[in-house]
N, C-alpha and C. Protein backbone atom coordinates (compact mmCIF):
# COMPACT_ATOMS: atom_id res chain seq x y z
N MET A 1 22.48 -8.37 9.88
CA MET A 1 22.59 -8.36 9.03
C MET A 1 22.40 -7.46 7.67
N ALA A 2 23.35 -7.44 6.58
CA ALA A 2 22.16 -5.56 5.56
C ALA A 2 21.21 -6.59 4.65
N PRO A 3 20.36 -5.67 4.23
CA PRO A 3 20.09 -6.23 3.57
C PRO A 3 19.89 -6.83 1.95
N ASP A 4 19.32 -7.87 1.93
CA ASP A 4 19.98 -7.46 -0.04
C ASP A 4 19.49 -6.51 -1.13
N TYR A 5 19.87 -5.74 -1.27
CA TYR A 5 20.09 -4.95 -2.71
C TYR A 5 20.01 -4.66 -3.93
N PHE A 6 18.76 -4.35 -4.11
CA PHE A 6 18.55 -4.50 -5.55
C PHE A 6 18.93 -2.68 -6.62
N ARG A 7 19.45 -2.85 -7.65
CA ARG A 7 18.50 -1.83 -8.08
C ARG A 7 17.75 -2.08 -9.46
N ILE A 8 16.86 -1.73 -9.88
CA ILE A 8 15.62 -2.07 -10.58
C ILE A 8 14.71 -0.97 -11.26
N ASP A 9 14.54 -1.75 -12.34
CA ASP A 9 13.72 -0.49 -12.74
C ASP A 9 11.97 -0.41 -12.26
N GLY A 10 11.28 0.47 -12.17
CA GLY A 10 9.73 0.90 -11.26
C GLY A 10 8.84 0.46 -12.55
N GLU A 11 9.14 1.05 -13.47
CA GLU A 11 7.73 0.28 -14.58
C GLU A 11 8.55 -0.63 -15.63
N HIS A 12 9.76 -1.06 -16.04
CA HIS A 12 10.16 -2.47 -16.44
C HIS A 12 10.95 -2.86 -15.28
N PRO A 13 10.11 -3.87 -14.41
CA PRO A 13 11.27 -4.17 -13.23
C PRO A 13 11.17 -6.13 -14.14
N ASP A 14 13.17 -6.42 -13.76
CA ASP A 14 13.48 -7.67 -13.85
C ASP A 14 12.82 -8.88 -13.66
N PRO A 15 12.19 -9.55 -13.57
CA PRO A 15 11.49 -10.52 -13.30
C PRO A 15 12.12 -11.46 -12.38
N HIS A 16 13.71 -11.47 -11.96
CA HIS A 16 14.53 -11.98 -11.90
C HIS A 16 14.67 -11.20 -9.54
N ILE A 17 15.14 -10.49 -10.36
CA ILE A 17 15.00 -9.58 -8.94
C ILE A 17 13.43 -9.45 -8.32
N LEU A 18 12.35 -9.31 -8.72
CA LEU A 18 11.19 -9.72 -8.65
C LEU A 18 11.25 -11.27 -7.78
N ARG A 19 11.68 -12.00 -8.59
CA ARG A 19 11.34 -13.42 -8.19
C ARG A 19 12.21 -13.27 -6.06
N LYS A 20 13.44 -12.66 -6.63
CA LYS A 20 14.17 -12.45 -5.24
C LYS A 20 12.98 -11.67 -4.24
N ALA A 21 12.61 -10.98 -4.61
CA ALA A 21 11.97 -9.86 -3.28
C ALA A 21 11.01 -10.53 -2.73
N VAL A 22 10.07 -11.35 -4.20
CA VAL A 22 9.30 -12.74 -3.27
C VAL A 22 9.73 -13.02 -2.82
N GLU A 23 10.34 -13.88 -2.73
CA GLU A 23 10.94 -15.02 -1.62
C GLU A 23 11.11 -14.02 -0.56
N ARG A 24 11.77 -13.10 -0.20
CA ARG A 24 11.40 -12.38 0.44
C ARG A 24 10.60 -12.84 2.05
N LEU A 25 10.00 -12.16 0.93
CA LEU A 25 8.44 -10.65 1.30
C LEU A 25 7.12 -13.11 1.44
N ASN A 26 7.56 -13.47 1.51
CA ASN A 26 7.58 -15.32 1.68
C ASN A 26 7.41 -15.82 2.67
N ARG A 27 8.59 -15.02 3.04
CA ARG A 27 9.44 -16.05 4.41
C ARG A 27 9.16 -16.25 5.56
N PRO A 28 8.78 -14.91 6.26
CA PRO A 28 7.56 -13.99 5.18
C PRO A 28 8.63 -12.69 5.99
N GLY A 29 9.12 -11.38 5.01
CA GLY A 29 10.42 -10.77 4.97
C GLY A 29 8.83 -9.41 4.98
N VAL A 30 9.88 -8.54 4.81
CA VAL A 30 9.94 -7.54 4.53
C VAL A 30 10.70 -6.27 3.37
N ILE A 31 9.75 -5.62 2.48
CA ILE A 31 10.54 -5.52 1.50
C ILE A 31 10.90 -3.90 1.10
N LEU A 32 11.73 -2.82 1.29
CA LEU A 32 11.71 -1.68 0.93
C LEU A 32 11.35 -1.44 -0.38
N HIS A 33 10.33 -0.94 -0.75
CA HIS A 33 10.56 -0.33 -2.59
C HIS A 33 10.02 1.18 -2.73
N ALA A 34 10.17 1.53 -3.55
CA ALA A 34 9.60 2.35 -4.28
C ALA A 34 7.91 2.83 -5.01
N THR A 35 7.46 3.88 -4.78
CA THR A 35 5.94 3.51 -5.18
C THR A 35 6.04 4.92 -6.96
N GLU A 36 4.71 5.76 -6.65
CA GLU A 36 4.69 6.87 -7.74
C GLU A 36 4.30 7.54 -6.38
N THR A 37 4.50 7.54 -5.33
CA THR A 37 4.41 8.81 -4.57
C THR A 37 5.77 8.83 -3.97
N VAL A 38 5.72 8.02 -2.52
CA VAL A 38 7.52 7.77 -2.14
C VAL A 38 7.59 6.04 -1.75
N TYR A 39 8.60 5.95 -1.05
CA TYR A 39 9.60 5.12 -1.08
C TYR A 39 7.91 4.57 0.31
N GLY A 40 8.46 3.06 0.32
CA GLY A 40 7.57 2.38 1.39
C GLY A 40 7.84 0.65 1.68
N LEU A 41 7.47 0.50 2.86
CA LEU A 41 7.16 -1.31 3.64
C LEU A 41 6.48 -1.64 2.97
N ALA A 42 6.70 -3.23 3.00
CA ALA A 42 5.61 -4.73 2.26
C ALA A 42 5.63 -5.12 2.70
N ALA A 43 4.77 -6.10 3.17
CA ALA A 43 4.70 -7.20 3.49
C ALA A 43 2.98 -8.01 3.31
N ARG A 44 4.00 -9.05 3.68
CA ARG A 44 2.41 -9.88 3.42
C ARG A 44 1.00 -9.63 4.34
N TRP A 45 0.22 -9.08 3.88
CA TRP A 45 -0.82 -8.91 5.06
C TRP A 45 -1.49 -9.83 5.76
N ASP A 46 -1.33 -11.31 5.12
CA ASP A 46 -1.76 -12.15 6.22
C ASP A 46 -0.70 -13.37 6.88
N ASN A 47 0.29 -12.62 7.13
CA ASN A 47 0.89 -12.97 8.43
C ASN A 47 1.50 -12.40 9.61
N GLU A 48 0.28 -12.54 10.52
CA GLU A 48 1.10 -11.52 11.85
C GLU A 48 1.91 -11.58 11.92
N ALA A 49 3.32 -12.29 11.42
CA ALA A 49 4.85 -11.99 12.42
C ALA A 49 5.67 -10.99 11.45
N ALA A 50 4.86 -10.97 9.84
CA ALA A 50 5.70 -9.93 9.20
C ALA A 50 4.47 -8.63 9.66
N LEU A 51 3.51 -8.52 9.65
CA LEU A 51 3.40 -6.43 10.59
C LEU A 51 3.73 -6.66 12.27
N GLN A 52 4.11 -7.86 12.99
CA GLN A 52 4.63 -7.14 13.32
C GLN A 52 6.12 -6.36 13.60
N LYS A 53 6.90 -7.09 12.55
CA LYS A 53 8.29 -6.77 12.19
C LYS A 53 8.10 -5.15 11.45
N VAL A 54 7.14 -5.52 10.57
CA VAL A 54 6.52 -3.56 10.34
C VAL A 54 6.98 -2.37 11.08
N SER A 55 6.14 -3.15 12.02
CA SER A 55 5.49 -2.37 13.10
C SER A 55 7.40 -1.81 14.24
N HIS A 56 8.08 -2.79 14.53
CA HIS A 56 9.15 -3.01 14.80
C HIS A 56 9.85 -1.86 14.23
N ILE A 57 9.88 -2.13 12.64
CA ILE A 57 11.13 -1.71 12.45
C ILE A 57 10.67 0.41 11.69
N LYS A 58 9.69 0.42 11.89
CA LYS A 58 8.52 1.68 12.24
C LYS A 58 8.75 2.97 13.47
N ARG A 59 9.44 1.79 14.44
CA ARG A 59 8.98 2.24 15.87
C ARG A 59 7.24 2.58 16.50
N ARG A 60 6.68 1.97 15.37
CA ARG A 60 5.07 2.47 15.46
C ARG A 60 4.44 1.43 16.17
N PRO A 61 3.07 2.30 17.45
CA PRO A 61 2.09 1.16 17.69
C PRO A 61 1.53 0.11 17.65
N PRO A 62 1.29 -0.81 17.99
CA PRO A 62 0.56 -2.12 17.15
C PRO A 62 -0.77 -2.06 17.18
N GLU A 63 -1.50 -0.54 17.27
CA GLU A 63 -2.76 -0.15 17.00
C GLU A 63 -3.01 0.15 15.76
N GLN A 64 -2.26 0.59 14.85
CA GLN A 64 -1.88 1.74 14.36
C GLN A 64 -1.89 0.53 12.38
N PRO A 65 -3.07 1.70 12.22
CA PRO A 65 -3.31 0.22 10.38
C PRO A 65 -2.63 0.43 9.81
N TYR A 66 -2.44 -0.46 8.97
CA TYR A 66 -2.45 -0.21 7.64
C TYR A 66 -2.70 -0.36 6.56
N SER A 67 -1.95 0.26 5.75
CA SER A 67 -2.95 -0.07 4.16
C SER A 67 -2.47 -1.72 3.53
N ILE A 68 -2.74 -1.92 2.24
CA ILE A 68 -3.94 -3.11 1.66
C ILE A 68 -3.57 -2.32 -0.08
N MET A 69 -2.33 -2.79 0.12
CA MET A 69 -2.04 -3.09 -1.94
C MET A 69 -1.88 -3.68 -2.63
N ILE A 70 -3.07 -3.44 -3.24
CA ILE A 70 -3.56 -4.58 -4.43
C ILE A 70 -3.50 -4.54 -5.51
N ASP A 71 -4.04 -5.40 -6.71
CA ASP A 71 -3.63 -5.63 -8.39
C ASP A 71 -4.92 -5.35 -8.27
N ASP A 72 -5.90 -6.02 -7.90
CA ASP A 72 -6.80 -5.44 -9.16
C ASP A 72 -8.89 -5.39 -8.15
N SER A 73 -9.08 -4.67 -8.66
CA SER A 73 -10.28 -4.50 -7.37
C SER A 73 -11.34 -5.54 -6.55
N GLU A 74 -11.59 -6.61 -7.29
CA GLU A 74 -11.68 -7.93 -6.32
C GLU A 74 -10.67 -8.12 -5.04
N ALA A 75 -9.76 -7.80 -5.42
CA ALA A 75 -9.57 -8.60 -3.71
C ALA A 75 -9.43 -7.32 -2.18
N ALA A 76 -10.00 -5.77 -2.93
CA ALA A 76 -10.66 -4.79 -1.96
C ALA A 76 -12.18 -5.69 -1.45
N LEU A 77 -12.71 -6.39 -2.03
CA LEU A 77 -14.35 -6.54 -2.23
C LEU A 77 -14.41 -7.67 -1.52
N ALA A 78 -13.30 -8.35 -1.67
CA ALA A 78 -13.27 -9.71 -1.15
C ALA A 78 -12.79 -9.02 0.84
N LEU A 79 -11.24 -8.97 0.89
CA LEU A 79 -10.58 -8.97 2.01
C LEU A 79 -12.63 -7.42 2.84
N SER A 80 -12.56 -6.58 2.22
CA SER A 80 -13.46 -5.61 2.89
C SER A 80 -15.61 -6.02 3.06
N GLY A 81 -15.39 -7.80 2.91
CA GLY A 81 -17.01 -7.77 2.58
C GLY A 81 -17.96 -7.79 1.87
N TRP A 82 -17.60 -6.45 1.40
CA TRP A 82 -18.28 -5.51 0.13
C TRP A 82 -19.17 -6.52 -0.74
N ASN A 83 -20.55 -6.71 -1.39
CA ASN A 83 -20.45 -7.01 -2.35
C ASN A 83 -21.09 -6.08 -3.08
N SER A 84 -20.71 -5.46 -3.74
CA SER A 84 -21.61 -4.25 -4.45
C SER A 84 -21.14 -3.72 -6.09
N MET A 85 -21.76 -3.40 -6.98
CA MET A 85 -21.93 -3.16 -8.46
C MET A 85 -20.99 -2.02 -8.00
N GLU A 86 -21.50 -1.72 -7.48
CA GLU A 86 -21.18 0.24 -7.34
C GLU A 86 -19.96 0.25 -6.90
N LEU A 87 -19.30 -0.39 -5.75
CA LEU A 87 -18.62 -0.17 -5.27
C LEU A 87 -17.04 -0.73 -6.34
N ARG A 88 -17.51 -1.26 -7.59
CA ARG A 88 -16.85 -2.15 -7.61
C ARG A 88 -15.93 -0.96 -8.92
N ARG A 89 -17.47 -0.56 -9.38
CA ARG A 89 -16.76 1.02 -10.38
C ARG A 89 -16.25 1.80 -10.03
N LEU A 90 -16.46 2.68 -9.13
CA LEU A 90 -15.61 3.23 -7.96
C LEU A 90 -14.55 2.65 -7.98
N LEU A 91 -14.22 1.73 -8.08
CA LEU A 91 -12.95 1.43 -7.49
C LEU A 91 -11.76 1.36 -9.50
N GLU A 92 -12.64 0.45 -10.46
CA GLU A 92 -11.78 0.62 -11.08
C GLU A 92 -11.89 1.49 -12.00
N ALA A 93 -12.55 3.51 -11.26
CA ALA A 93 -12.96 4.70 -11.63
C ALA A 93 -12.16 5.29 -10.86
N LEU A 94 -11.81 5.03 -10.37
CA LEU A 94 -10.53 5.46 -9.94
C LEU A 94 -8.86 4.78 -9.73
N PHE A 95 -9.14 3.77 -9.33
CA PHE A 95 -7.21 2.56 -9.28
C PHE A 95 -6.64 2.65 -10.83
N PRO A 96 -5.42 2.56 -10.98
CA PRO A 96 -4.48 2.62 -10.42
C PRO A 96 -4.04 4.00 -10.36
N ALA A 97 -3.69 4.56 -8.42
CA ALA A 97 -3.71 5.95 -8.85
C ALA A 97 -2.63 6.72 -7.21
N PRO A 98 -2.45 7.31 -7.17
CA PRO A 98 -1.92 7.77 -5.65
C PRO A 98 -2.90 8.36 -4.68
N LEU A 99 -4.08 6.84 -4.11
CA LEU A 99 -4.60 7.45 -3.80
C LEU A 99 -5.09 6.14 -2.64
N THR A 100 -5.64 6.20 -1.07
CA THR A 100 -5.29 5.03 -0.38
C THR A 100 -7.24 5.11 -0.11
N LEU A 101 -7.69 4.30 0.08
CA LEU A 101 -9.46 4.66 -0.45
C LEU A 101 -9.66 3.47 0.80
N LEU A 102 -10.81 4.72 1.67
CA LEU A 102 -10.62 3.99 3.24
C LEU A 102 -12.27 2.63 3.63
N LEU A 103 -12.48 2.21 3.25
CA LEU A 103 -13.69 0.45 3.29
C LEU A 103 -14.22 0.95 4.20
N PRO A 104 -15.69 0.69 4.98
CA PRO A 104 -15.60 -0.27 5.57
C PRO A 104 -15.25 -1.71 6.38
N ARG A 105 -14.86 -2.15 7.26
CA ARG A 105 -15.09 -3.77 6.71
C ARG A 105 -16.18 -4.46 7.90
N LYS A 106 -16.63 -5.03 6.53
CA LYS A 106 -18.36 -6.18 6.95
C LYS A 106 -18.27 -7.34 7.20
N ARG A 107 -16.52 -7.99 7.69
CA ARG A 107 -16.27 -9.19 7.93
C ARG A 107 -14.91 -9.35 8.38
N PRO A 108 -15.24 -10.07 9.13
CA PRO A 108 -14.29 -10.81 9.75
C PRO A 108 -12.89 -11.52 9.24
N LEU A 109 -11.25 -11.23 9.29
CA LEU A 109 -10.40 -11.42 8.86
C LEU A 109 -9.11 -12.55 9.97
N GLU A 110 -8.83 -13.27 9.55
CA GLU A 110 -7.36 -13.94 10.12
C GLU A 110 -5.78 -13.09 9.03
N PRO A 111 -4.78 -12.44 9.85
CA PRO A 111 -5.17 -12.94 11.03
C PRO A 111 -5.74 -11.36 11.85
N GLY A 112 -6.26 -12.22 12.83
CA GLY A 112 -6.81 -11.25 13.96
C GLY A 112 -6.49 -9.67 13.94
N PHE A 113 -5.29 -9.37 13.92
CA PHE A 113 -4.57 -8.08 13.66
C PHE A 113 -6.08 -7.13 13.24
N TRP A 114 -6.22 -7.25 11.68
CA TRP A 114 -7.68 -6.72 11.30
C TRP A 114 -8.47 -6.53 11.83
N ASN A 115 -9.00 -6.90 13.11
CA ASN A 115 -9.84 -7.01 13.03
C ASN A 115 -10.60 -5.65 14.76
N GLN A 116 -9.71 -4.76 14.70
CA GLN A 116 -9.31 -3.79 16.04
C GLN A 116 -9.84 -2.61 14.77
N PHE A 117 -9.44 -2.79 13.31
CA PHE A 117 -10.03 -1.25 12.34
C PHE A 117 -11.50 -1.64 11.86
N PRO A 118 -12.86 -0.96 12.72
CA PRO A 118 -13.76 -0.72 11.11
C PRO A 118 -12.83 -0.91 10.08
N GLU A 119 -12.39 0.46 9.61
CA GLU A 119 -12.09 0.12 8.24
C GLU A 119 -11.27 -0.28 7.55
N ILE A 120 -10.59 -0.45 6.46
CA ILE A 120 -9.92 -1.40 5.68
C ILE A 120 -8.95 0.07 4.41
N GLY A 121 -7.74 0.46 4.51
CA GLY A 121 -7.69 1.78 3.73
C GLY A 121 -6.79 0.74 2.22
N PHE A 122 -6.89 0.45 1.17
CA PHE A 122 -6.66 0.20 -0.12
C PHE A 122 -6.17 0.94 -1.35
N ARG A 123 -4.91 0.38 -1.56
CA ARG A 123 -3.82 0.82 -2.80
C ARG A 123 -3.42 0.28 -3.53
N MET A 124 -3.95 0.92 -4.80
CA MET A 124 -3.62 0.28 -5.67
C MET A 124 -2.32 1.02 -6.27
N PRO A 125 -0.80 1.00 -6.57
CA PRO A 125 0.01 2.17 -6.83
C PRO A 125 -0.75 2.21 -8.31
N ASP A 126 0.06 3.82 -9.22
CA ASP A 126 -0.07 3.73 -10.27
C ASP A 126 1.72 3.93 -10.37
N HIS A 127 2.11 2.55 -10.16
CA HIS A 127 3.15 2.31 -10.29
C HIS A 127 3.92 0.47 -10.92
N THR A 128 4.16 0.62 -11.58
CA THR A 128 4.08 -1.31 -12.18
C THR A 128 5.20 -2.65 -11.51
N LEU A 129 6.06 -1.62 -11.04
CA LEU A 129 6.72 -2.46 -9.88
C LEU A 129 6.14 -2.50 -8.79
N SER A 130 5.55 -1.74 -7.78
CA SER A 130 4.27 -2.52 -7.23
C SER A 130 3.27 -3.38 -6.86
N ARG A 131 2.56 -2.89 -8.26
CA ARG A 131 0.98 -3.86 -8.26
C ARG A 131 1.87 -5.34 -8.77
N GLU A 132 3.40 -5.38 -8.61
CA GLU A 132 4.00 -6.57 -10.01
C GLU A 132 4.54 -7.56 -9.06
N LEU A 133 4.64 -6.21 -7.46
CA LEU A 133 5.15 -6.66 -6.01
C LEU A 133 3.76 -7.93 -5.69
N VAL A 134 2.83 -7.31 -5.31
CA VAL A 134 1.50 -7.48 -5.53
C VAL A 134 1.45 -9.15 -6.54
N ARG A 135 1.17 -9.51 -7.55
CA ARG A 135 0.94 -9.64 -8.17
C ARG A 135 1.67 -11.65 -8.57
N GLN A 136 3.53 -11.37 -7.86
CA GLN A 136 3.76 -12.06 -8.22
C GLN A 136 3.77 -13.32 -6.64
N ALA A 137 3.48 -12.17 -5.61
CA ALA A 137 3.07 -12.91 -4.03
C ALA A 137 2.26 -13.87 -4.18
N GLY A 138 0.94 -13.04 -4.74
CA GLY A 138 -0.24 -14.13 -5.01
C GLY A 138 -0.52 -13.70 -3.63
N ALA A 139 -0.43 -12.74 -3.52
CA ALA A 139 -1.22 -11.76 -2.19
C ALA A 139 -1.36 -10.18 -1.70
N PRO A 140 -2.55 -9.66 -1.51
CA PRO A 140 -2.34 -8.69 -1.07
C PRO A 140 -1.25 -8.29 -1.01
N LEU A 141 -0.67 -6.93 -0.05
CA LEU A 141 0.87 -6.82 0.79
C LEU A 141 -0.03 -5.46 1.43
N ILE A 142 0.87 -5.42 2.65
CA ILE A 142 0.22 -4.27 3.15
C ILE A 142 1.78 -2.93 2.92
N THR A 143 0.70 -1.49 3.26
CA THR A 143 1.23 -1.10 2.56
C THR A 143 1.99 0.28 3.32
N THR A 144 2.87 0.91 3.85
CA THR A 144 3.21 2.43 4.52
C THR A 144 4.12 2.58 4.47
N SER A 145 4.55 3.86 4.10
CA SER A 145 5.96 4.40 4.22
C SER A 145 7.04 4.78 4.58
N ALA A 146 7.87 3.96 4.65
CA ALA A 146 9.72 3.72 4.94
C ALA A 146 9.97 5.12 5.28
N ASN A 147 9.59 5.14 6.65
CA ASN A 147 9.68 6.29 7.73
C ASN A 147 9.87 5.61 9.44
N LEU A 148 10.40 6.58 10.10
CA LEU A 148 10.12 6.20 11.49
C LEU A 148 9.12 6.45 11.62
N SER A 149 7.68 6.49 12.40
CA SER A 149 6.77 6.79 12.59
C SER A 149 7.00 8.97 13.00
N GLY A 150 6.33 8.95 12.65
CA GLY A 150 6.84 10.55 12.77
C GLY A 150 7.77 10.97 12.55
N GLU A 151 8.46 10.36 11.39
CA GLU A 151 9.34 11.71 9.97
C GLU A 151 8.54 11.17 8.87
N THR A 152 9.65 12.63 8.05
CA THR A 152 8.95 12.73 7.01
C THR A 152 9.06 11.52 5.88
N PRO A 153 8.25 10.72 5.22
CA PRO A 153 8.58 9.38 4.30
C PRO A 153 9.03 10.39 2.89
N PRO A 154 10.77 8.69 2.66
CA PRO A 154 11.05 9.15 1.39
C PRO A 154 10.61 9.04 0.74
N ALA A 155 10.83 10.31 -0.67
CA ALA A 155 11.07 10.01 -2.01
C ALA A 155 11.69 9.60 -2.53
N SER A 156 12.93 8.92 -1.94
CA SER A 156 14.48 8.65 -2.67
C SER A 156 15.18 7.46 -1.46
N MET A 157 15.88 6.70 -2.38
CA MET A 157 16.54 5.99 -1.66
C MET A 157 17.69 6.21 -0.61
N GLU A 158 18.06 8.06 -0.81
CA GLU A 158 19.30 8.19 -0.63
C GLU A 158 18.32 8.64 0.89
N GLU A 159 17.11 8.98 1.07
CA GLU A 159 16.50 9.72 1.77
C GLU A 159 15.83 8.88 2.73
N VAL A 160 16.41 7.97 2.78
CA VAL A 160 15.82 6.49 3.54
C VAL A 160 16.28 6.61 5.25
N ASN A 161 16.54 6.35 6.19
CA ASN A 161 16.76 6.47 7.32
C ASN A 161 17.78 5.01 7.36
N ARG A 162 18.38 5.20 8.14
CA ARG A 162 19.34 3.74 7.89
C ARG A 162 19.12 2.96 8.47
N GLU A 163 18.34 3.69 10.03
CA GLU A 163 17.71 2.26 11.09
C GLU A 163 16.87 1.50 10.16
N ILE A 164 15.83 1.90 8.64
CA ILE A 164 15.17 1.41 8.90
C ILE A 164 16.06 0.69 7.59
N LEU A 165 16.86 0.26 7.07
CA LEU A 165 17.34 0.63 5.27
C LEU A 165 17.91 -1.14 6.80
N SER A 166 18.79 -1.47 7.31
CA SER A 166 18.97 -2.20 8.28
C SER A 166 17.84 -3.03 8.54
N GLY A 167 17.18 -2.45 8.65
CA GLY A 167 15.20 -3.69 9.02
C GLY A 167 15.21 -4.89 8.97
N VAL A 168 15.41 -3.74 7.49
CA VAL A 168 14.48 -4.64 6.14
C VAL A 168 15.16 -6.01 5.72
N ASP A 169 14.86 -7.16 5.33
CA ASP A 169 14.81 -8.05 4.72
C ASP A 169 15.65 -8.14 2.73
N CYS A 170 15.43 -6.98 1.97
CA CYS A 170 15.52 -7.09 1.49
C CYS A 170 15.32 -5.32 0.98
N ALA A 171 16.02 -4.49 -0.34
CA ALA A 171 15.40 -3.03 -0.83
C ALA A 171 16.11 -2.74 -2.17
N LEU A 172 15.01 -3.18 -2.70
CA LEU A 172 14.86 -2.23 -4.27
C LEU A 172 14.46 -1.06 -4.85
N ASP A 173 15.81 0.04 -5.13
CA ASP A 173 15.83 0.66 -5.85
C ASP A 173 16.04 0.57 -6.42
N SER A 174 14.87 2.58 -7.27
CA SER A 174 14.26 2.35 -8.29
C SER A 174 14.86 3.73 -8.90
N GLY A 175 15.26 4.43 -7.96
CA GLY A 175 15.59 5.96 -8.41
C GLY A 175 14.22 6.58 -7.10
N ALA A 176 14.33 7.38 -7.49
CA ALA A 176 13.30 8.82 -7.22
C ALA A 176 12.00 8.91 -7.73
N CYS A 177 10.99 8.68 -6.68
CA CYS A 177 9.50 8.44 -6.59
C CYS A 177 9.10 9.72 -7.70
N PRO A 178 8.59 9.64 -8.72
CA PRO A 178 7.54 10.67 -9.69
C PRO A 178 6.78 11.68 -8.50
N LEU A 179 6.39 11.04 -7.66
CA LEU A 179 4.90 12.45 -7.77
C LEU A 179 6.38 12.79 -6.03
N LYS A 180 6.46 11.81 -5.34
CA LYS A 180 7.04 12.64 -4.47
C LYS A 180 6.15 12.79 -3.24
N THR A 181 5.63 12.33 -2.98
CA THR A 181 4.51 13.34 -2.03
C THR A 181 2.79 12.39 -1.94
N PRO A 182 2.89 11.95 -0.70
CA PRO A 182 1.86 10.36 0.21
C PRO A 182 1.06 10.62 -0.94
N SER A 183 -0.19 9.32 -0.49
CA SER A 183 -1.09 9.08 -1.70
C SER A 183 -2.50 10.33 -0.71
N THR A 184 -3.24 10.65 -1.39
CA THR A 184 -4.02 11.13 -0.51
C THR A 184 -5.03 9.91 -0.13
N VAL A 185 -5.61 10.37 0.78
CA VAL A 185 -6.31 9.04 1.64
C VAL A 185 -7.84 10.12 1.55
N VAL A 186 -9.13 8.63 1.37
CA VAL A 186 -9.93 9.43 1.34
C VAL A 186 -10.88 7.65 2.22
N LYS A 187 -12.08 8.87 2.85
CA LYS A 187 -12.81 7.56 3.00
C LYS A 187 -13.90 8.07 2.47
N VAL A 188 -15.36 6.59 2.18
CA VAL A 188 -16.26 6.47 1.18
C VAL A 188 -17.18 6.09 1.71
N ASP A 189 -18.32 6.80 2.53
CA ASP A 189 -19.24 6.20 3.08
C ASP A 189 -20.98 5.84 1.75
N LEU A 190 -20.43 4.80 1.57
CA LEU A 190 -21.29 3.99 -0.16
C LEU A 190 -22.79 3.85 0.45
N GLU A 191 -23.10 3.41 1.74
CA GLU A 191 -23.78 4.01 2.54
C GLU A 191 -24.97 5.21 2.01
N ASN A 192 -24.44 6.04 2.44
CA ASN A 192 -24.66 8.19 1.78
C ASN A 192 -24.93 8.24 1.25
N ARG A 193 -23.59 7.25 0.25
CA ARG A 193 -22.94 8.10 -1.35
C ARG A 193 -21.95 9.26 -1.00
N THR A 194 -21.17 9.33 0.23
CA THR A 194 -20.24 10.71 0.56
C THR A 194 -19.02 10.05 1.04
N TYR A 195 -18.23 11.26 0.63
CA TYR A 195 -16.68 10.74 0.67
C TYR A 195 -16.18 11.92 1.50
N ALA A 196 -14.18 12.33 2.14
CA ALA A 196 -14.30 12.76 2.80
C ALA A 196 -13.03 12.86 2.67
N ILE A 197 -11.82 13.74 2.59
CA ILE A 197 -10.55 13.84 2.87
C ILE A 197 -9.84 13.11 3.68
N VAL A 198 -9.02 12.71 4.36
CA VAL A 198 -8.90 12.25 5.54
C VAL A 198 -7.31 13.02 5.12
N ARG A 199 -7.05 12.60 4.44
CA ARG A 199 -5.45 13.09 4.04
C ARG A 199 -4.95 13.51 2.82
N PRO A 200 -5.04 14.82 2.37
CA PRO A 200 -4.70 16.04 1.40
C PRO A 200 -2.71 15.31 0.68
N GLY A 201 -3.72 15.56 -0.53
CA GLY A 201 -1.62 13.91 -0.74
C GLY A 201 -1.85 14.26 -2.28
N ALA A 202 -0.94 13.02 -3.55
CA ALA A 202 -0.63 13.31 -5.02
C ALA A 202 -2.55 13.67 -5.20
N PHE A 203 -3.57 13.23 -5.23
CA PHE A 203 -3.78 12.76 -5.66
C PHE A 203 -5.24 14.06 -6.16
N PRO A 204 -5.37 15.35 -6.76
CA PRO A 204 -6.03 16.47 -6.58
C PRO A 204 -7.08 16.08 -6.75
N GLU A 205 -8.19 16.94 -4.96
CA GLU A 205 -9.39 16.62 -4.92
C GLU A 205 -9.97 17.20 -6.50
N GLN A 206 -8.90 17.67 -7.19
CA GLN A 206 -10.52 18.21 -7.49
C GLN A 206 -10.79 17.18 -8.95
N ASN A 207 -9.87 16.36 -9.07
CA ASN A 207 -9.65 15.37 -9.95
C ASN A 207 -10.85 13.87 -9.50
N LEU A 208 -11.06 13.99 -8.15
CA LEU A 208 -10.85 12.82 -6.97
C LEU A 208 -12.45 13.26 -7.25
N GLU A 209 -13.27 14.49 -6.91
CA GLU A 209 -14.56 15.10 -6.78
C GLU A 209 -15.16 14.37 -8.00
N GLU A 210 -14.50 15.15 -10.03
CA GLU A 210 -14.95 14.36 -11.21
C GLU A 210 -15.13 12.62 -11.27
N ILE A 211 -14.94 12.09 -11.28
CA ILE A 211 -14.24 10.97 -10.72
C ILE A 211 -15.20 10.07 -9.98
N ILE A 212 -15.67 10.48 -8.88
CA ILE A 212 -16.27 9.78 -7.54
C ILE A 212 -17.79 10.56 -8.40
N ASN A 213 -18.26 11.72 -8.65
CA ASN A 213 -19.45 12.53 -8.98
C ASN A 213 -20.33 11.75 -10.30
N SER A 214 -19.50 11.16 -11.24
CA SER A 214 -19.33 10.39 -12.55
C SER A 214 -19.78 9.55 -12.35
N VAL A 215 -18.92 8.44 -11.48
CA VAL A 215 -19.89 7.33 -10.99
C VAL A 215 -21.38 7.11 -9.96
N TRP A 216 -21.32 7.70 -9.10
CA TRP A 216 -22.25 8.21 -8.84
C TRP A 216 -24.03 9.18 -9.00
N LYS A 217 -23.24 9.61 -10.16
CA LYS A 217 -24.52 10.36 -11.18
C LYS A 217 -25.61 9.42 -11.16
């Protein structure tokens, strides 16, 4: 069955289309949508069937982690288990941005899928549609690039593999992604006040260093 397909403005999304997309997310289903970096797949973080469906669509091993897309800093604190004013300040200084922040997981989570990973990646896109999907769903969503495992992430709907498109429940076409480069992935060690860039990407390294140093000074 072909997915529901909508054209939508990424910065001024139509509320009616958003509601339809969120209905698919809550069935639960998988949504294809743009971010400021590349097109991604979104599903509820707390539904094991949805997580498995994303892995199936991408042909990705189930033991590989996904990032969690949030719309406010408190969600990252709650899910990671950190109760830290310093982390709160860091999140508020960095987000929203084309950045994925890896934090140590300090608490068990349900579904148990997440407990195989010592860290969780958090992403708050600098992109209205992405954050509105989270807000309207009423829960964080997983996010992962909309490509088959090992392929190049697509920066427009035209670049999305037809196999990916046929596997989702809803596709939101908002044109080409502004940055066309995946997010920068950064691992943070809060106890030692250090960080490491795991994957260079759309967030400039110099900007990252300046912001983190300003929070940790």
